[in-house]
C-alpha atoms as a PDB file:
ATOM      1  CA  UNK A   1     140.204 -26.158 123.819  1.00  0.00           C
ATOM      2  CA  UNK A   2     137.973 -26.769 126.659  1.00  0.00           C
ATOM      3  CA  UNK A   3     137.693 -29.760 129.032  1.00  0.00           C
ATOM      4  CA  UNK A   4     137.014 -33.300 127.851  1.00  0.00           C
ATOM      5  CA  UNK A   5     138.862 -36.051 125.957  1.00  0.00           C
ATOM      6  CA  UNK A   6     142.057 -34.646 124.398  1.00  0.00           C
ATOM      7  CA  UNK A   7     143.096 -37.522 122.339  1.00  0.00           C
ATOM      8  CA  UNK A   8     141.597 -40.705 120.942  1.00  0.00           C
ATOM      9  CA  UNK A   9     144.116 -43.539 120.361  1.00  0.00           C
ATOM     10  CA  UNK A  10     143.525 -46.629 118.225  1.00  0.00           C
ATOM     11  CA  UNK A  11     145.446 -49.824 118.721  1.00  0.00           C
ATOM     12  CA  UNK A  12     147.699 -50.820 115.874  1.00  0.00           C
ATOM     13  CA  UNK A  13     145.770 -54.019 115.326  1.00  0.00           C
ATOM     14  CA  UNK A  14     142.508 -52.351 114.523  1.00  0.00           C
ATOM     15  CA  UNK A  15     141.484 -53.126 110.869  1.00  0.00           C
ATOM     16  CA  UNK A  16     139.102 -50.402 110.337  1.00  0.00           C
ATOM     17  CA  UNK A  17     140.621 -47.306 111.999  1.00  0.00           C
ATOM     18  CA  UNK A  18     143.875 -45.522 112.963  1.00  0.00           C
ATOM     19  CA  UNK A  19     144.801 -42.591 115.093  1.00  0.00           C
ATOM     20  CA  UNK A  20     146.793 -39.610 113.803  1.00  0.00           C
ATOM     21  CA  UNK A  21     147.612 -37.003 116.440  1.00  0.00           C
ATOM     22  CA  UNK A  22     144.822 -38.141 118.634  1.00  0.00           C
ATOM     23  CA  UNK A  23     142.173 -37.942 115.850  1.00  0.00           C
ATOM     24  CA  UNK A  24     140.497 -40.997 114.408  1.00  0.00           C
ATOM     25  CA  UNK A  25     140.772 -41.669 110.652  1.00  0.00           C
ATOM     26  CA  UNK A  26     139.743 -44.608 108.518  1.00  0.00           C
ATOM     27  CA  UNK A  27     142.522 -47.177 108.041  1.00  0.00           C
ATOM     28  CA  UNK A  28     143.357 -45.948 104.672  1.00  0.00           C
ATOM     29  CA  UNK A  29     143.435 -42.356 105.804  1.00  0.00           C
ATOM     30  CA  UNK A  30     140.709 -41.250 103.311  1.00  0.00           C
ATOM     31  CA  UNK A  31     138.107 -40.258 106.050  1.00  0.00           C
ATOM     32  CA  UNK A  32     138.412 -38.265 109.179  1.00  0.00           C
ATOM     33  CA  UNK A  33     135.986 -40.100 111.515  1.00  0.00           C
ATOM     34  CA  UNK A  34     136.127 -38.400 114.873  1.00  0.00           C
ATOM     35  CA  UNK A  35     137.932 -35.678 116.696  1.00  0.00           C
ATOM     36  CA  UNK A  36     138.075 -35.525 120.519  1.00  0.00           C
ATOM     37  CA  UNK A  37     136.105 -32.923 122.394  1.00  0.00           C
ATOM     38  CA  UNK A  38     139.236 -31.117 123.612  1.00  0.00           C
ATOM     39  CA  UNK A  39     141.055 -31.311 120.249  1.00  0.00           C
ATOM     40  CA  UNK A  40     144.726 -30.310 120.770  1.00  0.00           C
ATOM     41  CA  UNK A  41     145.641 -27.468 118.422  1.00  0.00           C
ATOM     42  CA  UNK A  42     148.860 -25.337 118.028  1.00  0.00           C
ATOM     43  CA  UNK A  43     148.059 -21.707 117.867  1.00  0.00           C
ATOM     44  CA  UNK A  44     144.326 -22.601 117.585  1.00  0.00           C
ATOM     45  CA  UNK A  45     144.888 -24.098 114.105  1.00  0.00           C
ATOM     46  CA  UNK A  46     143.966 -27.757 113.280  1.00  0.00           C
ATOM     47  CA  UNK A  47     145.195 -29.170 109.973  1.00  0.00           C
ATOM     48  CA  UNK A  48     143.413 -32.163 108.715  1.00  0.00           C
ATOM     49  CA  UNK A  49     145.816 -34.885 107.500  1.00  0.00           C
ATOM     50  CA  UNK A  50     146.919 -34.590 103.954  1.00  0.00           C
ATOM     51  CA  UNK A  51     145.280 -37.096 101.571  1.00  0.00           C
ATOM     52  CA  UNK A  52     141.983 -36.925 103.563  1.00  0.00           C
ATOM     53  CA  UNK A  53     139.028 -37.111 101.117  1.00  0.00           C
ATOM     54  CA  UNK A  54     136.067 -36.902 103.438  1.00  0.00           C
ATOM     55  CA  UNK A  55     135.016 -35.633 106.880  1.00  0.00           C
ATOM     56  CA  UNK A  56     132.460 -37.961 108.467  1.00  0.00           C
ATOM     57  CA  UNK A  57     129.045 -37.011 109.762  1.00  0.00           C
ATOM     58  CA  UNK A  58     129.301 -35.427 113.244  1.00  0.00           C
ATOM     59  CA  UNK A  59     133.214 -35.750 113.175  1.00  0.00           C
ATOM     60  CA  UNK A  60     133.963 -32.387 114.855  1.00  0.00           C
ATOM     61  CA  UNK A  61     130.537 -32.042 116.514  1.00  0.00           C
ATOM     62  CA  UNK A  62     130.755 -30.316 119.972  1.00  0.00           C
ATOM     63  CA  UNK A  63     134.504 -29.871 119.986  1.00  0.00           C
ATOM     64  CA  UNK A  64     135.624 -27.088 122.298  1.00  0.00           C
ATOM     65  CA  UNK A  65     132.052 -26.228 123.321  1.00  0.00           C
ATOM     66  CA  UNK A  66     132.104 -23.658 126.199  1.00  0.00           C
ATOM     67  CA  UNK A  67     135.730 -22.576 125.468  1.00  0.00           C
ATOM     68  CA  UNK A  68     136.383 -18.958 124.588  1.00  0.00           C
ATOM     69  CA  UNK A  69     138.982 -19.888 121.942  1.00  0.00           C
ATOM     70  CA  UNK A  70     137.483 -20.998 118.637  1.00  0.00           C
ATOM     71  CA  UNK A  71     139.818 -22.698 116.192  1.00  0.00           C
ATOM     72  CA  UNK A  72     140.663 -22.562 112.523  1.00  0.00           C
ATOM     73  CA  UNK A  73     140.324 -25.865 110.571  1.00  0.00           C
ATOM     74  CA  UNK A  74     142.455 -26.278 107.520  1.00  0.00           C
ATOM     75  CA  UNK A  75     141.298 -28.853 105.013  1.00  0.00           C
ATOM     76  CA  UNK A  76     143.661 -30.379 102.461  1.00  0.00           C
ATOM     77  CA  UNK A  77     143.061 -29.879  98.733  1.00  0.00           C
ATOM     78  CA  UNK A  78     142.157 -33.603  98.506  1.00  0.00           C
ATOM     79  CA  UNK A  79     139.021 -33.037 100.668  1.00  0.00           C
ATOM     80  CA  UNK A  80     135.879 -33.276  98.493  1.00  0.00           C
ATOM     81  CA  UNK A  81     133.139 -34.458 100.974  1.00  0.00           C
ATOM     82  CA  UNK A  82     131.796 -33.091 104.187  1.00  0.00           C
ATOM     83  CA  UNK A  83     129.322 -35.260 106.132  1.00  0.00           C
ATOM     84  CA  UNK A  84     126.007 -34.161 107.671  1.00  0.00           C
ATOM     85  CA  UNK A  85     126.494 -32.048 110.725  1.00  0.00           C
ATOM     86  CA  UNK A  86     130.194 -32.605 110.569  1.00  0.00           C
ATOM     87  CA  UNK A  87     130.981 -29.369 112.449  1.00  0.00           C
ATOM     88  CA  UNK A  88     127.721 -28.680 114.208  1.00  0.00           C
ATOM     89  CA  UNK A  89     128.174 -27.139 117.623  1.00  0.00           C
ATOM     90  CA  UNK A  90     131.880 -26.956 117.265  1.00  0.00           C
ATOM     91  CA  UNK A  91     133.984 -23.960 118.315  1.00  0.00           C
ATOM     92  CA  UNK A  92     135.230 -23.293 114.807  1.00  0.00           C
ATOM     93  CA  UNK A  93     135.852 -19.709 113.722  1.00  0.00           C
ATOM     94  CA  UNK A  94     137.299 -20.281 110.170  1.00  0.00           C
ATOM     95  CA  UNK A  95     137.568 -23.009 107.627  1.00  0.00           C
ATOM     96  CA  UNK A  96     138.588 -23.315 104.071  1.00  0.00           C
ATOM     97  CA  UNK A  97     136.553 -25.039 101.425  1.00  0.00           C
ATOM     98  CA  UNK A  98     138.624 -26.820  98.770  1.00  0.00           C
ATOM     99  CA  UNK A  99     137.671 -26.833  95.152  1.00  0.00           C
ATOM    100  CA  UNK A 100     136.464 -30.472  95.196  1.00  0.00           C
ATOM    101  CA  UNK A 101     133.610 -29.744  97.652  1.00  0.00           C
ATOM    102  CA  UNK A 102     130.408 -29.379  95.773  1.00  0.00           C
ATOM    103  CA  UNK A 103     127.930 -29.421  98.553  1.00  0.00           C
ATOM    104  CA  UNK A 104     127.693 -28.217 102.146  1.00  0.00           C
ATOM    105  CA  UNK A 105     125.327 -30.765 103.661  1.00  0.00           C
ATOM    106  CA  UNK A 106     122.503 -30.469 106.186  1.00  0.00           C
ATOM    107  CA  UNK A 107     123.530 -28.804 109.480  1.00  0.00           C
ATOM    108  CA  UNK A 108     127.224 -28.941 108.540  1.00  0.00           C
ATOM    109  CA  UNK A 109     128.137 -25.560 110.259  1.00  0.00           C
ATOM    110  CA  UNK A 110     125.026 -25.016 112.380  1.00  0.00           C
ATOM    111  CA  UNK A 111     125.752 -23.468 115.775  1.00  0.00           C
ATOM    112  CA  UNK A 112     129.347 -22.638 114.932  1.00  0.00           C
ATOM    113  CA  UNK A 113     131.400 -19.423 115.543  1.00  0.00           C
ATOM    114  CA  UNK A 114     132.162 -18.763 111.912  1.00  0.00           C
ATOM    115  CA  UNK A 115     131.896 -15.052 111.155  1.00  0.00           C
ATOM    116  CA  UNK A 116     132.790 -14.119 107.574  1.00  0.00           C
ATOM    117  CA  UNK A 117     131.905 -16.813 105.076  1.00  0.00           C
ATOM    118  CA  UNK A 118     132.603 -16.913 101.411  1.00  0.00           C
ATOM    119  CA  UNK A 119     131.110 -19.865  99.649  1.00  0.00           C
ATOM    120  CA  UNK A 120     133.117 -20.579  96.456  1.00  0.00           C
ATOM    121  CA  UNK A 121     131.345 -21.201  93.241  1.00  0.00           C
ATOM    122  CA  UNK A 122     132.671 -24.752  93.262  1.00  0.00           C
ATOM    123  CA  UNK A 123     130.074 -25.429  95.939  1.00  0.00           C
ATOM    124  CA  UNK A 124     126.763 -25.804  94.056  1.00  0.00           C
ATOM    125  CA  UNK A 125     124.490 -26.667  96.884  1.00  0.00           C
ATOM    126  CA  UNK A 126     123.963 -25.278 100.446  1.00  0.00           C
ATOM    127  CA  UNK A 127     121.885 -27.789 102.348  1.00  0.00           C
ATOM    128  CA  UNK A 128     118.971 -27.449 104.723  1.00  0.00           C
ATOM    129  CA  UNK A 129     120.037 -25.822 108.031  1.00  0.00           C
ATOM    130  CA  UNK A 130     123.607 -25.643 106.823  1.00  0.00           C
ATOM    131  CA  UNK A 131     124.515 -22.618 108.955  1.00  0.00           C
ATOM    132  CA  UNK A 132     121.422 -22.355 111.213  1.00  0.00           C
ATOM    133  CA  UNK A 133     121.940 -20.661 114.637  1.00  0.00           C
ATOM    134  CA  UNK A 134     125.519 -19.814 113.709  1.00  0.00           C
ATOM    135  CA  UNK A 135     127.463 -16.595 114.379  1.00  0.00           C
ATOM    136  CA  UNK A 136     127.959 -15.544 110.777  1.00  0.00           C
ATOM    137  CA  UNK A 137     128.090 -11.863 110.139  1.00  0.00           C
ATOM    138  CA  UNK A 138     128.992 -11.563 106.436  1.00  0.00           C
ATOM    139  CA  UNK A 139     128.064 -14.139 103.883  1.00  0.00           C
ATOM    140  CA  UNK A 140     129.121 -14.007 100.115  1.00  0.00           C
ATOM    141  CA  UNK A 141     127.884 -16.668  97.720  1.00  0.00           C
ATOM    142  CA  UNK A 142     130.194 -16.550  94.690  1.00  0.00           C
ATOM    143  CA  UNK A 143     129.041 -17.078  91.162  1.00  0.00           C
ATOM    144  CA  UNK A 144     128.000 -20.740  90.255  1.00  0.00           C
ATOM    145  CA  UNK A 145     126.454 -21.483  93.652  1.00  0.00           C
ATOM    146  CA  UNK A 146     122.959 -22.900  92.588  1.00  0.00           C
ATOM    147  CA  UNK A 147     120.804 -23.793  95.506  1.00  0.00           C
ATOM    148  CA  UNK A 148     120.262 -22.587  99.041  1.00  0.00           C
ATOM    149  CA  UNK A 149     118.230 -24.952 101.192  1.00  0.00           C
ATOM    150  CA  UNK A 150     115.482 -24.745 103.777  1.00  0.00           C
ATOM    151  CA  UNK A 151     116.534 -22.695 106.843  1.00  0.00           C
ATOM    152  CA  UNK A 152     120.149 -22.570 105.540  1.00  0.00           C
ATOM    153  CA  UNK A 153     120.805 -19.388 107.453  1.00  0.00           C
ATOM    154  CA  UNK A 154     117.875 -19.505 109.815  1.00  0.00           C
ATOM    155  CA  UNK A 155     118.200 -17.710 113.065  1.00  0.00           C
ATOM    156  CA  UNK A 156     121.595 -16.284 112.361  1.00  0.00           C
ATOM    157  CA  UNK A 157     120.849 -13.356 114.701  1.00  0.00           C
ATOM    158  CA  UNK A 158     123.820 -11.212 113.754  1.00  0.00           C
ATOM    159  CA  UNK A 159     123.947 -11.764 110.046  1.00  0.00           C
ATOM    160  CA  UNK A 160     124.411  -8.261 108.618  1.00  0.00           C
ATOM    161  CA  UNK A 161     125.154  -8.741 104.915  1.00  0.00           C
ATOM    162  CA  UNK A 162     124.446 -11.310 102.344  1.00  0.00           C
ATOM    163  CA  UNK A 163     125.460 -11.503  98.598  1.00  0.00           C
ATOM    164  CA  UNK A 164     123.278 -13.623  96.315  1.00  0.00           C
ATOM    165  CA  UNK A 165     124.832 -14.326  92.802  1.00  0.00           C
ATOM    166  CA  UNK A 166     122.751 -14.591  89.622  1.00  0.00           C
ATOM    167  CA  UNK A 167     123.424 -18.385  89.373  1.00  0.00           C
ATOM    168  CA  UNK A 168     121.209 -19.195  92.371  1.00  0.00           C
ATOM    169  CA  UNK A 169     117.987 -20.556  90.994  1.00  0.00           C
ATOM    170  CA  UNK A 170     116.708 -22.300  94.038  1.00  0.00           C
ATOM    171  CA  UNK A 171     116.298 -20.237  97.263  1.00  0.00           C
ATOM    172  CA  UNK A 172     114.003 -21.521  99.907  1.00  0.00           C
ATOM    173  CA  UNK A 173     111.552 -19.084 101.656  1.00  0.00           C
ATOM    174  CA  UNK A 174     113.149 -19.858 105.052  1.00  0.00           C
ATOM    175  CA  UNK A 175     116.731 -19.592 103.911  1.00  0.00           C
ATOM    176  CA  UNK A 176     117.141 -16.185 105.546  1.00  0.00           C
ATOM    177  CA  UNK A 177     114.326 -16.403 108.056  1.00  0.00           C
ATOM    178  CA  UNK A 178     114.850 -14.926 111.699  1.00  0.00           C
ATOM    179  CA  UNK A 179     117.921 -12.899 110.521  1.00  0.00           C
ATOM    180  CA  UNK A 180     116.952  -9.931 112.672  1.00  0.00           C
ATOM    181  CA  UNK A 181     120.024  -7.683 111.862  1.00  0.00           C
ATOM    182  CA  UNK A 182     120.183  -8.395 108.137  1.00  0.00           C
ATOM    183  CA  UNK A 183     120.035  -4.960 106.370  1.00  0.00           C
ATOM    184  CA  UNK A 184     122.509  -5.300 103.617  1.00  0.00           C
ATOM    185  CA  UNK A 185     121.449  -7.804 100.830  1.00  0.00           C
ATOM    186  CA  UNK A 186     123.230  -7.550  97.532  1.00  0.00           C
ATOM    187  CA  UNK A 187     121.582  -9.324  94.541  1.00  0.00           C
ATOM    188  CA  UNK A 188     123.900  -9.622  91.549  1.00  0.00           C
ATOM    189  CA  UNK A 189     122.477  -8.340  88.301  1.00  0.00           C
ATOM    190  CA  UNK A 190     120.863 -11.097  86.305  1.00  0.00           C
ATOM    191  CA  UNK A 191     119.548 -12.929  89.375  1.00  0.00           C
ATOM    192  CA  UNK A 192     115.974 -14.151  89.181  1.00  0.00           C
ATOM    193  CA  UNK A 193     115.443 -12.661  92.653  1.00  0.00           C
ATOM    194  CA  UNK A 194     114.795  -9.023  93.757  1.00  0.00           C
ATOM    195  CA  UNK A 195     113.835  -7.118  96.939  1.00  0.00           C
ATOM    196  CA  UNK A 196     111.009  -4.715  97.294  1.00  0.00           C
ATOM    197  CA  UNK A 197     111.330  -1.424  99.292  1.00  0.00           C
ATOM    198  CA  UNK A 198     109.767  -3.069 102.322  1.00  0.00           C
ATOM    199  CA  UNK A 199     111.950  -6.147 102.300  1.00  0.00           C
ATOM    200  CA  UNK A 200     109.778  -8.634 100.238  1.00  0.00           C
ATOM    201  CA  UNK A 201     112.077 -11.129  98.535  1.00  0.00           C
ATOM    202  CA  UNK A 202     110.604 -11.713  95.037  1.00  0.00           C
ATOM    203  CA  UNK A 203     111.103 -13.953  92.075  1.00  0.00           C
ATOM    204  CA  UNK A 204     109.518 -14.683  88.735  1.00  0.00           C
ATOM    205  CA  UNK A 205     109.743 -11.150  87.647  1.00  0.00           C
ATOM    206  CA  UNK A 206     108.161  -9.822  90.862  1.00  0.00           C
ATOM    207  CA  UNK A 207     105.115 -12.194  90.630  1.00  0.00           C
ATOM    208  CA  UNK A 208     106.063 -14.560  93.398  1.00  0.00           C
ATOM    209  CA  UNK A 209     106.931 -13.626  96.963  1.00  0.00           C
ATOM    210  CA  UNK A 210     109.141 -16.183  98.559  1.00  0.00           C
ATOM    211  CA  UNK A 211     110.300 -14.568 101.822  1.00  0.00           C
ATOM    212  CA  UNK A 212     111.217 -11.321 103.776  1.00  0.00           C
ATOM    213  CA  UNK A 213     114.240  -9.594 104.967  1.00  0.00           C
ATOM    214  CA  UNK A 214     114.757  -6.484 107.197  1.00  0.00           C
ATOM    215  CA  UNK A 215     112.842  -7.119 110.348  1.00  0.00           C
ATOM    216  CA  UNK A 216     112.318  -3.453 111.088  1.00  0.00           C
ATOM    217  CA  UNK A 217     110.214  -3.153 107.964  1.00  0.00           C
ATOM    218  CA  UNK A 218     107.942  -6.178 108.524  1.00  0.00           C
ATOM    219  CA  UNK A 219     107.450  -5.421 112.211  1.00  0.00           C
ATOM    220  CA  UNK A 220     105.289  -2.311 111.419  1.00  0.00           C
ATOM    221  CA  UNK A 221     101.521  -2.360 112.111  1.00  0.00           C
ATOM    222  CA  UNK A 222     100.773  -3.058 108.439  1.00  0.00           C
ATOM    223  CA  UNK A 223     102.850  -5.075 105.868  1.00  0.00           C
ATOM    224  CA  UNK A 224     102.010  -4.355 102.262  1.00  0.00           C
ATOM    225  CA  UNK A 225     102.709  -6.849  99.623  1.00  0.00           C
ATOM    226  CA  UNK A 226     103.660  -5.118  96.373  1.00  0.00           C
ATOM    227  CA  UNK A 227     101.127  -4.772  93.522  1.00  0.00           C
ATOM    228  CA  UNK A 228     101.635  -7.385  90.856  1.00  0.00           C
ATOM    229  CA  UNK A 229     102.443 -10.190  93.179  1.00  0.00           C
ATOM    230  CA  UNK A 230     100.398 -13.276  92.212  1.00  0.00           C
ATOM    231  CA  UNK A 231     101.666 -15.984  94.533  1.00  0.00           C
ATOM    232  CA  UNK A 232     102.915 -16.347  98.029  1.00  0.00           C
ATOM    233  CA  UNK A 233     105.289 -19.281  98.265  1.00  0.00           C
ATOM    234  CA  UNK A 234     105.171 -21.682 101.165  1.00  0.00           C
ATOM    235  CA  UNK A 235     106.433 -19.943 104.365  1.00  0.00           C
ATOM    236  CA  UNK A 236     106.712 -16.594 102.485  1.00  0.00           C
ATOM    237  CA  UNK A 237     105.310 -14.328 105.197  1.00  0.00           C
ATOM    238  CA  UNK A 238     105.561 -16.639 108.178  1.00  0.00           C
ATOM    239  CA  UNK A 239     107.673 -14.072 110.099  1.00  0.00           C
ATOM    240  CA  UNK A 240     105.371 -11.090 109.751  1.00  0.00           C
ATOM    241  CA  UNK A 241     103.714 -10.197 112.890  1.00  0.00           C
ATOM    242  CA  UNK A 242     101.271  -7.568 111.663  1.00  0.00           C
ATOM    243  CA  UNK A 243      98.312  -7.038 109.411  1.00  0.00           C
ATOM    244  CA  UNK A 244      99.182  -8.210 105.807  1.00  0.00           C
ATOM    245  CA  UNK A 245      97.718  -6.240 102.928  1.00  0.00           C
ATOM    246  CA  UNK A 246      97.474  -8.299  99.793  1.00  0.00           C
ATOM    247  CA  UNK A 247      96.824  -6.818  96.399  1.00  0.00           C
ATOM    248  CA  UNK A 248      93.913  -8.286  94.395  1.00  0.00           C
ATOM    249  CA  UNK A 249      96.477  -9.863  92.045  1.00  0.00           C
ATOM    250  CA  UNK A 250      97.285 -12.590  94.537  1.00  0.00           C
ATOM    251  CA  UNK A 251      95.686 -15.723  93.394  1.00  0.00           C
ATOM    252  CA  UNK A 252      97.746 -18.402  95.191  1.00  0.00           C
ATOM    253  CA  UNK A 253      98.947 -18.721  98.760  1.00  0.00           C
ATOM    254  CA  UNK A 254     101.171 -21.550  99.900  1.00  0.00           C
ATOM    255  CA  UNK A 255     101.132 -23.503 103.070  1.00  0.00           C
ATOM    256  CA  UNK A 256     102.322 -21.563 106.218  1.00  0.00           C
ATOM    257  CA  UNK A 257     102.699 -18.570 103.953  1.00  0.00           C
ATOM    258  CA  UNK A 258     100.943 -16.298 106.456  1.00  0.00           C
ATOM    259  CA  UNK A 259     101.652 -16.431 109.972  1.00  0.00           C
ATOM    260  CA  UNK A 260     102.554 -18.264 113.063  1.00  0.00           C
ATOM    261  CA  UNK A 261     103.073 -15.258 115.270  1.00  0.00           C
ATOM    262  CA  UNK A 262      99.697 -13.385 114.875  1.00  0.00           C
ATOM    263  CA  UNK A 263      96.474 -13.499 116.689  1.00  0.00           C
ATOM    264  CA  UNK A 264      92.937 -13.558 115.272  1.00  0.00           C
ATOM    265  CA  UNK A 265      92.090 -14.532 111.725  1.00  0.00           C
ATOM    266  CA  UNK A 266      89.910 -12.866 109.132  1.00  0.00           C
ATOM    267  CA  UNK A 267      89.862 -11.795 105.538  1.00  0.00           C
ATOM    268  CA  UNK A 268      87.857  -9.060 103.816  1.00  0.00           C
ATOM    269  CA  UNK A 269      86.217  -9.150 100.375  1.00  0.00           C
ATOM    270  CA  UNK A 270      88.507  -9.932  97.294  1.00  0.00           C
ATOM    271  CA  UNK A 271      89.077  -6.309  96.205  1.00  0.00           C
ATOM    272  CA  UNK A 272      92.205  -4.235  95.725  1.00  0.00           C
ATOM    273  CA  UNK A 273      93.978  -3.895  99.151  1.00  0.00           C
ATOM    274  CA  UNK A 274      92.544  -7.094 100.598  1.00  0.00           C
ATOM    275  CA  UNK A 275      93.499  -7.074 104.387  1.00  0.00           C
ATOM    276  CA  UNK A 276      94.392 -10.426 106.018  1.00  0.00           C
ATOM    277  CA  UNK A 277      94.985 -10.741 109.713  1.00  0.00           C
ATOM    278  CA  UNK A 278      97.309 -13.605 110.308  1.00  0.00           C
ATOM    279  CA  UNK A 279      95.966 -16.726 112.241  1.00  0.00           C
ATOM    280  CA  UNK A 280      97.525 -17.824 115.522  1.00  0.00           C
ATOM    281  CA  UNK A 281     100.006 -20.590 115.730  1.00  0.00           C
ATOM    282  CA  UNK A 282      97.424 -23.050 116.939  1.00  0.00           C
ATOM    283  CA  UNK A 283      95.386 -22.759 113.767  1.00  0.00           C
ATOM    284  CA  UNK A 284      97.969 -24.495 111.748  1.00  0.00           C
ATOM    285  CA  UNK A 285      98.388 -24.339 108.017  1.00  0.00           C
ATOM    286  CA  UNK A 286      96.530 -21.687 106.096  1.00  0.00           C
ATOM    287  CA  UNK A 287      95.644 -21.275 102.350  1.00  0.00           C
ATOM    288  CA  UNK A 288      93.909 -17.956 101.560  1.00  0.00           C
ATOM    289  CA  UNK A 289      93.508 -17.863  97.893  1.00  0.00           C
ATOM    290  CA  UNK A 290      91.868 -20.093  95.382  1.00  0.00           C
ATOM    291  CA  UNK A 291      92.207 -20.314  91.587  1.00  0.00           C
ATOM    292  CA  UNK A 292      89.463 -17.774  91.038  1.00  0.00           C
ATOM    293  CA  UNK A 293      91.286 -15.330  93.290  1.00  0.00           C
ATOM    294  CA  UNK A 294      88.723 -15.234  96.026  1.00  0.00           C
ATOM    295  CA  UNK A 295      90.408 -15.373  99.479  1.00  0.00           C
ATOM    296  CA  UNK A 296      89.467 -18.473 101.515  1.00  0.00           C
ATOM    297  CA  UNK A 297      88.554 -18.617 105.123  1.00  0.00           C
ATOM    298  CA  UNK A 298      91.597 -19.781 107.172  1.00  0.00           C
ATOM    299  CA  UNK A 299      91.575 -23.511 107.602  1.00  0.00           C
ATOM    300  CA  UNK A 300      91.117 -24.755 111.143  1.00  0.00           C
ATOM    301  CA  UNK A 301      92.187 -28.102 112.717  1.00  0.00           C
ATOM    302  CA  UNK A 302      89.400 -30.796 112.366  1.00  0.00           C
ATOM    303  CA  UNK A 303      87.896 -31.653 115.793  1.00  0.00           C
ATOM    304  CA  UNK A 304      88.796 -35.150 117.008  1.00  0.00           C
END
């Protein structure tokens, strides 16, 4: 790996920790606590000690940063817990996920060099920002994954394909935000989600729009929300940088649902084909629709 500390040694008399191969573990060996920045690996493979149950928060954070050689991390079958941001900013290209791991916590693999990622069904929850800013290209969520958190794959700029199983019942609107190269989204039959021809990510039988995919489509001058959509979830169209055309069926619009990137702000009368020009970032949160389906004037910050 790159420059920096190559080994962390713990004196034999320490009651809380021990060193195994220059890596710090809890005294009983159940938790990997910290790896050195220039972790020594044979053939770019690092095997976590057998019997390890948990990888602590930030344990591998920053290892090998700046080095061209990313490593493979092998977790033992005993491993069942990954800490928050445990691999964030680490030069890790591959990792296995043993059956005991049920959650990928917040920022666990953010800013890593992982490329092809398959999340086994034993993992039920993918936490907020779990892979944000990472180098993932192909992502498969296997059956039994249930929840994908806020910004889980946010700003994964080269993400090209994504498979969503029918078991996912909680998918945050920003889970796939800023994935500019995403063109291939496979939604398994039976999923509560669907994608419209222009990249609207829908749920509730097409009545609720929760997000967008396929940047080329939503960068056009006018972005048309499909007929029959009744609600825009929080953050649903926050990426769209053009005129947004809402059908008259829209009765509910969540916070930040329409735009941070657009200039001006206006709404026409509540008729079929209502045109909404997104507000500028400085105008803050926006709620356009009320219970009676009349679009509201964009809310502006209160003067202080």
